């Protein structure tokens, strides 16, 4: 799958505040593992940072790493979520993938993660 070492972070400039960050990547591509045909999606990442924020160049390179991967929508959506959680350990994160139509069907998948509240 994509190279997670490309994911970089920087210190959250306001870690004491909850604020939502949203990044939209409208040029995501992967390959259907059944047909070998390209799949096109928009990936939307929304999160509330804890100590670290995602750096955009690394995020773009990471997402581009799926370009030639044969992977189902469900798997890639959850892989992206898992990798981003490991990279920046957010308080909350949601990955939404909006897939272009194929055979008359378009799909939207949403996966999210919430960190356990501190006691």
PDB file of N, CA and C in Angstrom:
ATOM      1  N   UNK A   1       0.830  -1.177   0.000  1.00  0.00           N
ATOM      2  CA  UNK A   1       0.000   0.000   0.000  1.00  0.00           C
ATOM      3  C   UNK A   1       0.879   1.246   0.000  1.00  0.00           C
ATOM      4  N   UNK A   2       0.305   2.382   0.220  1.00  0.00           N
ATOM      5  CA  UNK A   2       1.045   3.634   0.138  1.00  0.00           C
ATOM      6  C   UNK A   2       2.086   3.735   1.255  1.00  0.00           C
ATOM      7  N   UNK A   3       3.113   4.513   1.002  1.00  0.00           N
ATOM      8  CA  UNK A   3       4.244   4.662   1.911  1.00  0.00           C
ATOM      9  C   UNK A   3       3.903   5.624   3.059  1.00  0.00           C
ATOM     10  N   UNK A   4       3.701   5.081   4.242  1.00  0.00           N
ATOM     11  CA  UNK A   4       3.323   5.911   5.395  1.00  0.00           C
ATOM     12  C   UNK A   4       4.450   6.823   5.864  1.00  0.00           C
ATOM     13  N   UNK A   5       5.684   6.538   5.461  1.00  0.00           N
ATOM     14  CA  UNK A   5       6.788   7.420   5.863  1.00  0.00           C
ATOM     15  C   UNK A   5       6.661   8.803   5.217  1.00  0.00           C
ATOM     16  N   UNK A   6       5.810   8.930   4.207  1.00  0.00           N
ATOM     17  CA  UNK A   6       5.581  10.226   3.568  1.00  0.00           C
ATOM     18  C   UNK A   6       4.745  11.152   4.436  1.00  0.00           C
ATOM     19  N   UNK A   7       3.993  10.581   5.368  1.00  0.00           N
ATOM     20  CA  UNK A   7       3.132  11.379   6.232  1.00  0.00           C
ATOM     21  C   UNK A   7       3.966  12.106   7.278  1.00  0.00           C
ATOM     22  N   UNK A   8       3.912  13.427   7.239  1.00  0.00           N
ATOM     23  CA  UNK A   8       4.650  14.245   8.191  1.00  0.00           C
ATOM     24  C   UNK A   8       3.665  15.090   8.985  1.00  0.00           C
ATOM     25  N   UNK A   9       4.103  15.538  10.139  1.00  0.00           N
ATOM     26  CA  UNK A   9       3.271  16.384  10.989  1.00  0.00           C
ATOM     27  C   UNK A   9       4.066  17.597  11.445  1.00  0.00           C
ATOM     28  N   UNK A  10       3.362  18.543  12.017  1.00  0.00           N
ATOM     29  CA  UNK A  10       3.992  19.695  12.662  1.00  0.00           C
ATOM     30  C   UNK A  10       3.211  19.983  13.935  1.00  0.00           C
ATOM     31  N   UNK A  11       3.800  20.668  14.896  1.00  0.00           N
ATOM     32  CA  UNK A  11       3.112  20.916  16.165  1.00  0.00           C
ATOM     33  C   UNK A  11       1.819  21.724  15.984  1.00  0.00           C
ATOM     34  N   UNK A  12       0.781  21.287  16.651  1.00  0.00           N
ATOM     35  CA  UNK A  12      -0.488  22.009  16.647  1.00  0.00           C
ATOM     36  C   UNK A  12      -0.262  23.372  17.310  1.00  0.00           C
ATOM     37  N   UNK A  13      -0.561  24.471  16.615  1.00  0.00           N
ATOM     38  CA  UNK A  13      -0.308  25.784  17.199  1.00  0.00           C
ATOM     39  C   UNK A  13      -1.278  26.160  18.321  1.00  0.00           C
ATOM     40  N   UNK A  14      -2.370  25.396  18.483  1.00  0.00           N
ATOM     41  CA  UNK A  14      -3.362  25.706  19.518  1.00  0.00           C
ATOM     42  C   UNK A  14      -3.906  24.405  20.106  1.00  0.00           C
ATOM     43  N   UNK A  15      -3.036  23.593  20.746  1.00  0.00           N
ATOM     44  CA  UNK A  15      -3.463  22.271  21.224  1.00  0.00           C
ATOM     45  C   UNK A  15      -4.505  22.309  22.335  1.00  0.00           C
ATOM     46  N   UNK A  16      -4.650  23.433  23.003  1.00  0.00           N
ATOM     47  CA  UNK A  16      -5.630  23.519  24.093  1.00  0.00           C
ATOM     48  C   UNK A  16      -7.052  23.748  23.566  1.00  0.00           C
ATOM     49  N   UNK A  17      -7.199  23.974  22.261  1.00  0.00           N
ATOM     50  CA  UNK A  17      -8.509  24.276  21.672  1.00  0.00           C
ATOM     51  C   UNK A  17      -8.904  23.184  20.689  1.00  0.00           C
ATOM     52  N   UNK A  18     -10.180  22.795  20.713  1.00  0.00           N
ATOM     53  CA  UNK A  18     -10.726  21.927  19.679  1.00  0.00           C
ATOM     54  C   UNK A  18     -11.130  22.789  18.496  1.00  0.00           C
ATOM     55  N   UNK A  19     -10.553  22.528  17.333  1.00  0.00           N
ATOM     56  CA  UNK A  19     -10.973  23.186  16.103  1.00  0.00           C
ATOM     57  C   UNK A  19     -10.841  22.168  14.985  1.00  0.00           C
ATOM     58  N   UNK A  20     -11.757  22.210  14.047  1.00  0.00           N
ATOM     59  CA  UNK A  20     -11.803  21.210  12.980  1.00  0.00           C
ATOM     60  C   UNK A  20     -10.980  21.655  11.789  1.00  0.00           C
ATOM     61  N   UNK A  21     -10.193  20.736  11.293  1.00  0.00           N
ATOM     62  CA  UNK A  21      -9.379  20.942  10.101  1.00  0.00           C
ATOM     63  C   UNK A  21      -9.966  20.046   9.013  1.00  0.00           C
ATOM     64  N   UNK A  22     -10.118  20.588   7.808  1.00  0.00           N
ATOM     65  CA  UNK A  22     -10.641  19.786   6.700  1.00  0.00           C
ATOM     66  C   UNK A  22      -9.733  19.932   5.489  1.00  0.00           C
ATOM     67  N   UNK A  23      -9.334  18.792   4.929  1.00  0.00           N
ATOM     68  CA  UNK A  23      -8.539  18.762   3.706  1.00  0.00           C
ATOM     69  C   UNK A  23      -9.309  17.963   2.662  1.00  0.00           C
ATOM     70  N   UNK A  24      -9.408  18.500   1.448  1.00  0.00           N
ATOM     71  CA  UNK A  24     -10.106  17.829   0.359  1.00  0.00           C
ATOM     72  C   UNK A  24      -9.119  17.532  -0.756  1.00  0.00           C
ATOM     73  N   UNK A  25      -9.105  16.284  -1.182  1.00  0.00           N
ATOM     74  CA  UNK A  25      -8.200  15.826  -2.232  1.00  0.00           C
ATOM     75  C   UNK A  25      -9.061  15.290  -3.379  1.00  0.00           C
ATOM     76  N   UNK A  26      -9.365  16.132  -4.385  1.00  0.00           N
ATOM     77  CA  UNK A  26     -10.310  15.734  -5.431  1.00  0.00           C
ATOM     78  C   UNK A  26      -9.723  14.870  -6.545  1.00  0.00           C
ATOM     79  N   UNK A  27      -8.456  14.517  -6.452  1.00  0.00           N
ATOM     80  CA  UNK A  27      -7.811  13.792  -7.551  1.00  0.00           C
ATOM     81  C   UNK A  27      -7.303  12.415  -7.146  1.00  0.00           C
ATOM     82  N   UNK A  28      -7.980  11.762  -6.200  1.00  0.00           N
ATOM     83  CA  UNK A  28      -7.539  10.447  -5.738  1.00  0.00           C
ATOM     84  C   UNK A  28      -7.853   9.394  -6.797  1.00  0.00           C
ATOM     85  N   UNK A  29      -6.889   8.527  -7.032  1.00  0.00           N
ATOM     86  CA  UNK A  29      -7.112   7.405  -7.951  1.00  0.00           C
ATOM     87  C   UNK A  29      -6.506   6.138  -7.359  1.00  0.00           C
ATOM     88  N   UNK A  30      -7.174   5.051  -7.651  1.00  0.00           N
ATOM     89  CA  UNK A  30      -6.663   3.719  -7.353  1.00  0.00           C
ATOM     90  C   UNK A  30      -7.159   2.823  -8.488  1.00  0.00           C
ATOM     91  N   UNK A  31      -7.006   1.520  -8.329  1.00  0.00           N
ATOM     92  CA  UNK A  31      -7.371   0.588  -9.391  1.00  0.00           C
ATOM     93  C   UNK A  31      -8.327  -0.451  -8.823  1.00  0.00           C
ATOM     94  N   UNK A  32      -9.348  -0.781  -9.594  1.00  0.00           N
ATOM     95  CA  UNK A  32     -10.272  -1.839  -9.177  1.00  0.00           C
ATOM     96  C   UNK A  32      -9.528  -3.175  -9.183  1.00  0.00           C
ATOM     97  N   UNK A  33      -9.544  -3.902  -8.063  1.00  0.00           N
ATOM     98  CA  UNK A  33      -8.821  -5.170  -8.017  1.00  0.00           C
ATOM     99  C   UNK A  33      -9.465  -6.273  -8.869  1.00  0.00           C
ATOM    100  N   UNK A  34     -10.700  -6.088  -9.269  1.00  0.00           N
ATOM    101  CA  UNK A  34     -11.389  -7.078 -10.110  1.00  0.00           C
ATOM    102  C   UNK A  34     -11.148  -6.857 -11.588  1.00  0.00           C
ATOM    103  N   UNK A  35     -11.247  -5.591 -12.024  1.00  0.00           N
ATOM    104  CA  UNK A  35     -11.188  -5.291 -13.457  1.00  0.00           C
ATOM    105  C   UNK A  35      -9.873  -4.664 -13.911  1.00  0.00           C
ATOM    106  N   UNK A  36      -9.117  -4.092 -12.962  1.00  0.00           N
ATOM    107  CA  UNK A  36      -7.904  -3.378 -13.333  1.00  0.00           C
ATOM    108  C   UNK A  36      -8.175  -1.983 -13.863  1.00  0.00           C
ATOM    109  N   UNK A  37      -9.439  -1.571 -13.877  1.00  0.00           N
ATOM    110  CA  UNK A  37      -9.801  -0.238 -14.360  1.00  0.00           C
ATOM    111  C   UNK A  37      -9.551   0.800 -13.267  1.00  0.00           C
ATOM    112  N   UNK A  38      -9.264   2.038 -13.655  1.00  0.00           N
ATOM    113  CA  UNK A  38      -9.032   3.076 -12.639  1.00  0.00           C
ATOM    114  C   UNK A  38     -10.319   3.459 -11.915  1.00  0.00           C
ATOM    115  N   UNK A  39     -10.172   3.763 -10.641  1.00  0.00           N
ATOM    116  CA  UNK A  39     -11.251   4.314  -9.820  1.00  0.00           C
ATOM    117  C   UNK A  39     -10.859   5.728  -9.448  1.00  0.00           C
ATOM    118  N   UNK A  40     -11.827   6.628  -9.457  1.00  0.00           N
ATOM    119  CA  UNK A  40     -11.584   8.035  -9.169  1.00  0.00           C
ATOM    120  C   UNK A  40     -12.435   8.457  -7.976  1.00  0.00           C
ATOM    121  N   UNK A  41     -11.827   9.181  -7.061  1.00  0.00           N
ATOM    122  CA  UNK A  41     -12.550   9.597  -5.861  1.00  0.00           C
ATOM    123  C   UNK A  41     -12.078  10.964  -5.391  1.00  0.00           C
ATOM    124  N   UNK A  42     -12.915  11.564  -4.566  1.00  0.00           N
ATOM    125  CA  UNK A  42     -12.539  12.717  -3.770  1.00  0.00           C
ATOM    126  C   UNK A  42     -12.400  12.218  -2.342  1.00  0.00           C
ATOM    127  N   UNK A  43     -11.268  12.505  -1.731  1.00  0.00           N
ATOM    128  CA  UNK A  43     -11.031  12.124  -0.346  1.00  0.00           C
ATOM    129  C   UNK A  43     -11.127  13.378   0.505  1.00  0.00           C
ATOM    130  N   UNK A  44     -11.975  13.322   1.540  1.00  0.00           N
ATOM    131  CA  UNK A  44     -12.119  14.433   2.467  1.00  0.00           C
ATOM    132  C   UNK A  44     -11.681  13.950   3.844  1.00  0.00           C
ATOM    133  N   UNK A  45     -10.693  14.621   4.403  1.00  0.00           N
ATOM    134  CA  UNK A  45     -10.187  14.294   5.735  1.00  0.00           C
ATOM    135  C   UNK A  45     -10.575  15.450   6.654  1.00  0.00           C
ATOM    136  N   UNK A  46     -11.322  15.130   7.713  1.00  0.00           N
ATOM    137  CA  UNK A  46     -11.686  16.113   8.732  1.00  0.00           C
ATOM    138  C   UNK A  46     -11.137  15.594  10.048  1.00  0.00           C
ATOM    139  N   UNK A  47     -10.524  16.491  10.821  1.00  0.00           N
ATOM    140  CA  UNK A  47     -10.011  16.039  12.111  1.00  0.00           C
ATOM    141  C   UNK A  47      -9.874  17.182  13.103  1.00  0.00           C
ATOM    142  N   UNK A  48      -9.822  16.782  14.365  1.00  0.00           N
ATOM    143  CA  UNK A  48      -9.490  17.686  15.460  1.00  0.00           C
ATOM    144  C   UNK A  48      -8.136  17.221  15.971  1.00  0.00           C
ATOM    145  N   UNK A  49      -7.144  18.061  15.793  1.00  0.00           N
ATOM    146  CA  UNK A  49      -5.775  17.696  16.154  1.00  0.00           C
ATOM    147  C   UNK A  49      -5.606  17.654  17.670  1.00  0.00           C
ATOM    148  N   UNK A  50      -4.653  16.860  18.098  1.00  0.00           N
ATOM    149  CA  UNK A  50      -4.233  16.892  19.495  1.00  0.00           C
ATOM    150  C   UNK A  50      -2.916  17.652  19.533  1.00  0.00           C
ATOM    151  N   UNK A  51      -1.803  16.953  19.536  1.00  0.00           N
ATOM    152  CA  UNK A  51      -0.497  17.615  19.590  1.00  0.00           C
ATOM    153  C   UNK A  51       0.085  17.908  18.208  1.00  0.00           C
ATOM    154  N   UNK A  52      -0.415  17.198  17.161  1.00  0.00           N
ATOM    155  CA  UNK A  52       0.199  17.337  15.838  1.00  0.00           C
ATOM    156  C   UNK A  52      -0.846  17.522  14.746  1.00  0.00           C
ATOM    157  N   UNK A  53      -0.467  18.287  13.720  1.00  0.00           N
ATOM    158  CA  UNK A  53      -1.284  18.493  12.526  1.00  0.00           C
ATOM    159  C   UNK A  53      -0.606  17.823  11.341  1.00  0.00           C
ATOM    160  N   UNK A  54      -1.402  17.416  10.369  1.00  0.00           N
ATOM    161  CA  UNK A  54      -0.859  16.785   9.169  1.00  0.00           C
ATOM    162  C   UNK A  54      -0.272  17.839   8.234  1.00  0.00           C
ATOM    163  N   UNK A  55       0.903  17.552   7.716  1.00  0.00           N
ATOM    164  CA  UNK A  55       1.556  18.426   6.748  1.00  0.00           C
ATOM    165  C   UNK A  55       1.022  18.051   5.365  1.00  0.00           C
ATOM    166  N   UNK A  56       0.629  19.045   4.560  1.00  0.00           N
ATOM    167  CA  UNK A  56      -0.117  18.790   3.332  1.00  0.00           C
ATOM    168  C   UNK A  56       0.687  18.166   2.201  1.00  0.00           C
ATOM    169  N   UNK A  57       1.936  18.542   2.034  1.00  0.00           N
ATOM    170  CA  UNK A  57       2.720  17.948   0.946  1.00  0.00           C
ATOM    171  C   UNK A  57       2.852  16.448   1.161  1.00  0.00           C
ATOM    172  N   UNK A  58       3.163  16.051   2.382  1.00  0.00           N
ATOM    173  CA  UNK A  58       3.285  14.633   2.684  1.00  0.00           C
ATOM    174  C   UNK A  58       1.969  13.899   2.512  1.00  0.00           C
ATOM    175  N   UNK A  59       0.861  14.536   2.911  1.00  0.00           N
ATOM    176  CA  UNK A  59      -0.455  13.923   2.741  1.00  0.00           C
ATOM    177  C   UNK A  59      -0.751  13.702   1.266  1.00  0.00           C
ATOM    178  N   UNK A  60      -0.456  14.703   0.446  1.00  0.00           N
ATOM    179  CA  UNK A  60      -0.679  14.582  -0.996  1.00  0.00           C
ATOM    180  C   UNK A  60       0.153  13.442  -1.588  1.00  0.00           C
ATOM    181  N   UNK A  61       1.414  13.369  -1.230  1.00  0.00           N
ATOM    182  CA  UNK A  61       2.280  12.304  -1.759  1.00  0.00           C
ATOM    183  C   UNK A  61       1.807  10.932  -1.281  1.00  0.00           C
ATOM    184  N   UNK A  62       1.394  10.846  -0.027  1.00  0.00           N
ATOM    185  CA  UNK A  62       0.868   9.593   0.511  1.00  0.00           C
ATOM    186  C   UNK A  62      -0.362   9.149  -0.280  1.00  0.00           C
ATOM    187  N   UNK A  63      -1.324  10.058  -0.472  1.00  0.00           N
ATOM    188  CA  UNK A  63      -2.543   9.696  -1.194  1.00  0.00           C
ATOM    189  C   UNK A  63      -2.253   9.336  -2.651  1.00  0.00           C
ATOM    190  N   UNK A  64      -1.311  10.024  -3.273  1.00  0.00           N
ATOM    191  CA  UNK A  64      -0.934   9.683  -4.644  1.00  0.00           C
ATOM    192  C   UNK A  64      -0.309   8.291  -4.738  1.00  0.00           C
ATOM    193  N   UNK A  65       0.190   7.773  -3.638  1.00  0.00           N
ATOM    194  CA  UNK A  65       0.805   6.451  -3.627  1.00  0.00           C
ATOM    195  C   UNK A  65      -0.169   5.318  -3.902  1.00  0.00           C
ATOM    196  N   UNK A  66      -1.461   5.589  -3.846  1.00  0.00           N
ATOM    197  CA  UNK A  66      -2.474   4.564  -4.142  1.00  0.00           C
ATOM    198  C   UNK A  66      -2.807   4.483  -5.627  1.00  0.00           C
ATOM    199  N   UNK A  67      -2.226   5.340  -6.425  1.00  0.00           N
ATOM    200  CA  UNK A  67      -2.573   5.465  -7.837  1.00  0.00           C
ATOM    201  C   UNK A  67      -2.589   4.134  -8.590  1.00  0.00           C
ATOM    202  N   UNK A  68      -1.643   3.259  -8.331  1.00  0.00           N
ATOM    203  CA  UNK A  68      -1.560   1.990  -9.061  1.00  0.00           C
ATOM    204  C   UNK A  68      -1.929   0.779  -8.214  1.00  0.00           C
ATOM    205  N   UNK A  69      -2.536   1.030  -7.059  1.00  0.00           N
ATOM    206  CA  UNK A  69      -2.895  -0.057  -6.140  1.00  0.00           C
ATOM    207  C   UNK A  69      -4.269  -0.618  -6.481  1.00  0.00           C
ATOM    208  N   UNK A  70      -4.355  -1.936  -6.567  1.00  0.00           N
ATOM    209  CA  UNK A  70      -5.633  -2.610  -6.735  1.00  0.00           C
ATOM    210  C   UNK A  70      -6.262  -2.821  -5.374  1.00  0.00           C
ATOM    211  N   UNK A  71      -7.299  -2.042  -5.061  1.00  0.00           N
ATOM    212  CA  UNK A  71      -7.867  -2.079  -3.717  1.00  0.00           C
ATOM    213  C   UNK A  71      -9.348  -1.701  -3.761  1.00  0.00           C
ATOM    214  N   UNK A  72     -10.147  -2.408  -2.958  1.00  0.00           N
ATOM    215  CA  UNK A  72     -11.566  -2.090  -2.863  1.00  0.00           C
ATOM    216  C   UNK A  72     -11.762  -0.783  -2.096  1.00  0.00           C
ATOM    217  N   UNK A  73     -12.871  -0.098  -2.366  1.00  0.00           N
ATOM    218  CA  UNK A  73     -13.185   1.179  -1.723  1.00  0.00           C
ATOM    219  C   UNK A  73     -13.132   1.072  -0.202  1.00  0.00           C
ATOM    220  N   UNK A  74     -13.742   0.018   0.310  1.00  0.00           N
ATOM    221  CA  UNK A  74     -13.844  -0.159   1.760  1.00  0.00           C
ATOM    222  C   UNK A  74     -12.467  -0.293   2.409  1.00  0.00           C
ATOM    223  N   UNK A  75     -11.602  -1.044   1.751  1.00  0.00           N
ATOM    224  CA  UNK A  75     -10.266  -1.259   2.314  1.00  0.00           C
ATOM    225  C   UNK A  75      -9.447   0.019   2.293  1.00  0.00           C
ATOM    226  N   UNK A  76      -9.437   0.717   1.169  1.00  0.00           N
ATOM    227  CA  UNK A  76      -8.583   1.901   1.067  1.00  0.00           C
ATOM    228  C   UNK A  76      -9.071   3.010   1.996  1.00  0.00           C
ATOM    229  N   UNK A  77     -10.373   3.154   2.157  1.00  0.00           N
ATOM    230  CA  UNK A  77     -10.900   4.166   3.069  1.00  0.00           C
ATOM    231  C   UNK A  77     -10.400   3.914   4.489  1.00  0.00           C
ATOM    232  N   UNK A  78     -10.479   2.661   4.919  1.00  0.00           N
ATOM    233  CA  UNK A  78     -10.041   2.314   6.275  1.00  0.00           C
ATOM    234  C   UNK A  78      -8.523   2.313   6.425  1.00  0.00           C
ATOM    235  N   UNK A  79      -7.789   1.970   5.374  1.00  0.00           N
ATOM    236  CA  UNK A  79      -6.321   2.062   5.425  1.00  0.00           C
ATOM    237  C   UNK A  79      -5.880   3.507   5.621  1.00  0.00           C
ATOM    238  N   UNK A  80      -6.486   4.408   4.864  1.00  0.00           N
ATOM    239  CA  UNK A  80      -6.136   5.830   4.991  1.00  0.00           C
ATOM    240  C   UNK A  80      -6.412   6.299   6.413  1.00  0.00           C
ATOM    241  N   UNK A  81      -7.582   5.965   6.941  1.00  0.00           N
ATOM    242  CA  UNK A  81      -7.918   6.361   8.304  1.00  0.00           C
ATOM    243  C   UNK A  81      -6.887   5.826   9.297  1.00  0.00           C
ATOM    244  N   UNK A  82      -6.589   4.540   9.226  1.00  0.00           N
ATOM    245  CA  UNK A  82      -5.630   3.942  10.164  1.00  0.00           C
ATOM    246  C   UNK A  82      -4.257   4.605  10.075  1.00  0.00           C
ATOM    247  N   UNK A  83      -3.805   4.865   8.859  1.00  0.00           N
ATOM    248  CA  UNK A  83      -2.481   5.483   8.689  1.00  0.00           C
ATOM    249  C   UNK A  83      -2.452   6.912   9.234  1.00  0.00           C
ATOM    250  N   UNK A  84      -3.530   7.669   9.023  1.00  0.00           N
ATOM    251  CA  UNK A  84      -3.567   9.045   9.527  1.00  0.00           C
ATOM    252  C   UNK A  84      -3.668   9.081  11.045  1.00  0.00           C
ATOM    253  N   UNK A  85      -4.392   8.139  11.619  1.00  0.00           N
ATOM    254  CA  UNK A  85      -4.462   8.056  13.087  1.00  0.00           C
ATOM    255  C   UNK A  85      -3.073   7.803  13.659  1.00  0.00           C
ATOM    256  N   UNK A  86      -2.348   6.861  13.062  1.00  0.00           N
ATOM    257  CA  UNK A  86      -0.983   6.573  13.540  1.00  0.00           C
ATOM    258  C   UNK A  86      -0.057   7.776  13.351  1.00  0.00           C
ATOM    259  N   UNK A  87      -0.233   8.504  12.269  1.00  0.00           N
ATOM    260  CA  UNK A  87       0.674   9.614  11.961  1.00  0.00           C
ATOM    261  C   UNK A  87       0.506  10.798  12.906  1.00  0.00           C
ATOM    262  N   UNK A  88      -0.739  11.167  13.216  1.00  0.00           N
ATOM    263  CA  UNK A  88      -0.915  12.417  13.983  1.00  0.00           C
ATOM    264  C   UNK A  88      -1.673  12.257  15.294  1.00  0.00           C
ATOM    265  N   UNK A  89      -2.173  11.071  15.596  1.00  0.00           N
ATOM    266  CA  UNK A  89      -2.867  10.790  16.860  1.00  0.00           C
ATOM    267  C   UNK A  89      -3.880  11.888  17.203  1.00  0.00           C
ATOM    268  N   UNK A  90      -4.875  12.103  16.329  1.00  0.00           N
ATOM    269  CA  UNK A  90      -5.841  13.180  16.556  1.00  0.00           C
ATOM    270  C   UNK A  90      -6.842  12.840  17.655  1.00  0.00           C
ATOM    271  N   UNK A  91      -7.524  13.863  18.130  1.00  0.00           N
ATOM    272  CA  UNK A  91      -8.621  13.640  19.087  1.00  0.00           C
ATOM    273  C   UNK A  91      -9.794  12.968  18.380  1.00  0.00           C
ATOM    274  N   UNK A  92     -10.028  13.382  17.136  1.00  0.00           N
ATOM    275  CA  UNK A  92     -11.100  12.828  16.313  1.00  0.00           C
ATOM    276  C   UNK A  92     -10.683  12.991  14.857  1.00  0.00           C
ATOM    277  N   UNK A  93     -11.029  11.999  14.037  1.00  0.00           N
ATOM    278  CA  UNK A  93     -10.739  12.099  12.604  1.00  0.00           C
ATOM    279  C   UNK A  93     -11.783  11.321  11.825  1.00  0.00           C
ATOM    280  N   UNK A  94     -12.112  11.853  10.657  1.00  0.00           N
ATOM    281  CA  UNK A  94     -13.050  11.201   9.750  1.00  0.00           C
ATOM    282  C   UNK A  94     -12.453  11.237   8.351  1.00  0.00           C
ATOM    283  N   UNK A  95     -12.506  10.103   7.677  1.00  0.00           N
ATOM    284  CA  UNK A  95     -12.092  10.020   6.274  1.00  0.00           C
ATOM    285  C   UNK A  95     -13.332   9.649   5.468  1.00  0.00           C
ATOM    286  N   UNK A  96     -13.652  10.495   4.510  1.00  0.00           N
ATOM    287  CA  UNK A  96     -14.772  10.239   3.602  1.00  0.00           C
ATOM    288  C   UNK A  96     -14.218  10.094   2.203  1.00  0.00           C
ATOM    289  N   UNK A  97     -14.620   9.034   1.510  1.00  0.00           N
ATOM    290  CA  UNK A  97     -14.236   8.853   0.117  1.00  0.00           C
ATOM    291  C   UNK A  97     -15.505   8.877  -0.724  1.00  0.00           C
ATOM    292  N   UNK A  98     -15.507   9.732  -1.734  1.00  0.00           N
ATOM    293  CA  UNK A  98     -16.651   9.880  -2.657  1.00  0.00           C
ATOM    294  C   UNK A  98     -16.196   9.378  -4.021  1.00  0.00           C
ATOM    295  N   UNK A  99     -16.707   8.224  -4.408  1.00  0.00           N
ATOM    296  CA  UNK A  99     -16.247   7.532  -5.612  1.00  0.00           C
ATOM    297  C   UNK A  99     -17.104   7.894  -6.810  1.00  0.00           C
ATOM    298  N   UNK A 100     -16.432   8.142  -7.945  1.00  0.00           N
ATOM    299  CA  UNK A 100     -17.129   8.445  -9.191  1.00  0.00           C
ATOM    300  C   UNK A 100     -17.934   7.242  -9.666  1.00  0.00           C
ATOM    301  N   UNK A 101     -18.931   7.494 -10.497  1.00  0.00           N
ATOM    302  CA  UNK A 101     -19.799   6.406 -10.950  1.00  0.00           C
ATOM    303  C   UNK A 101     -19.051   5.370 -11.776  1.00  0.00           C
ATOM    304  N   UNK A 102     -19.465   4.133 -11.552  1.00  0.00           N
ATOM    305  CA  UNK A 102     -18.986   3.024 -12.372  1.00  0.00           C
ATOM    306  C   UNK A 102     -20.179   2.102 -12.559  1.00  0.00           C
ATOM    307  N   UNK A 103     -20.546   1.842 -13.795  1.00  0.00           N
ATOM    308  CA  UNK A 103     -21.708   1.011 -14.065  1.00  0.00           C
ATOM    309  C   UNK A 103     -22.988   1.610 -13.515  1.00  0.00           C
ATOM    310  N   UNK A 104     -23.043   2.944 -13.439  1.00  0.00           N
ATOM    311  CA  UNK A 104     -24.239   3.622 -12.970  1.00  0.00           C
ATOM    312  C   UNK A 104     -24.341   3.757 -11.464  1.00  0.00           C
ATOM    313  N   UNK A 105     -23.327   3.338 -10.727  1.00  0.00           N
ATOM    314  CA  UNK A 105     -23.362   3.419  -9.265  1.00  0.00           C
ATOM    315  C   UNK A 105     -22.186   4.252  -8.776  1.00  0.00           C
ATOM    316  N   UNK A 106     -22.475   5.239  -7.920  1.00  0.00           N
ATOM    317  CA  UNK A 106     -21.411   5.956  -7.227  1.00  0.00           C
ATOM    318  C   UNK A 106     -21.514   5.585  -5.753  1.00  0.00           C
ATOM    319  N   UNK A 107     -20.408   5.692  -5.033  1.00  0.00           N
ATOM    320  CA  UNK A 107     -20.368   5.265  -3.633  1.00  0.00           C
ATOM    321  C   UNK A 107     -19.730   6.335  -2.773  1.00  0.00           C
ATOM    322  N   UNK A 108     -20.191   6.400  -1.515  1.00  0.00           N
ATOM    323  CA  UNK A 108     -19.596   7.273  -0.511  1.00  0.00           C
ATOM    324  C   UNK A 108     -19.350   6.416   0.718  1.00  0.00           C
ATOM    325  N   UNK A 109     -18.113   6.429   1.215  1.00  0.00           N
ATOM    326  CA  UNK A 109     -17.764   5.697   2.424  1.00  0.00           C
ATOM    327  C   UNK A 109     -17.246   6.681   3.456  1.00  0.00           C
ATOM    328  N   UNK A 110     -17.619   6.458   4.709  1.00  0.00           N
ATOM    329  CA  UNK A 110     -17.181   7.324   5.804  1.00  0.00           C
ATOM    330  C   UNK A 110     -16.684   6.440   6.933  1.00  0.00           C
ATOM    331  N   UNK A 111     -15.439   6.665   7.349  1.00  0.00           N
ATOM    332  CA  UNK A 111     -14.859   5.942   8.487  1.00  0.00           C
ATOM    333  C   UNK A 111     -14.325   6.983   9.454  1.00  0.00           C
ATOM    334  N   UNK A 112     -14.485   6.720  10.753  1.00  0.00           N
ATOM    335  CA  UNK A 112     -13.983   7.696  11.720  1.00  0.00           C
ATOM    336  C   UNK A 112     -13.370   7.008  12.928  1.00  0.00           C
ATOM    337  N   UNK A 113     -12.580   7.801  13.626  1.00  0.00           N
ATOM    338  CA  UNK A 113     -11.882   7.340  14.835  1.00  0.00           C
ATOM    339  C   UNK A 113     -11.959   8.464  15.861  1.00  0.00           C
ATOM    340  N   UNK A 114     -12.209   8.088  17.098  1.00  0.00           N
ATOM    341  CA  UNK A 114     -12.215   9.054  18.192  1.00  0.00           C
ATOM    342  C   UNK A 114     -11.289   8.512  19.278  1.00  0.00           C
ATOM    343  N   UNK A 115     -10.373   9.359  19.739  1.00  0.00           N
ATOM    344  CA  UNK A 115      -9.474   8.918  20.817  1.00  0.00           C
ATOM    345  C   UNK A 115     -10.256   8.853  22.113  1.00  0.00           C
ATOM    346  N   UNK A 116      -9.787   8.032  23.001  1.00  0.00           N
ATOM    347  CA  UNK A 116     -10.420   7.904  24.307  1.00  0.00           C
ATOM    348  C   UNK A 116     -10.171   9.188  25.099  1.00  0.00           C
ATOM    349  N   UNK A 117     -11.202   9.702  25.775  1.00  0.00           N
ATOM    350  CA  UNK A 117     -10.988  10.920  26.562  1.00  0.00           C
ATOM    351  C   UNK A 117      -9.990  10.676  27.692  1.00  0.00           C
ATOM    352  N   UNK A 118      -9.202  11.682  27.967  1.00  0.00           N
ATOM    353  CA  UNK A 118      -8.236  11.594  29.060  1.00  0.00           C
ATOM    354  C   UNK A 118      -8.955  11.719  30.388  1.00  0.00           C
ATOM    355  N   UNK A 119      -8.519  10.966  31.375  1.00  0.00           N
ATOM    356  CA  UNK A 119      -9.150  11.045  32.697  1.00  0.00           C
ATOM    357  C   UNK A 119      -8.251  11.754  33.672  1.00  0.00           C
TER     358      UNK A 119
END
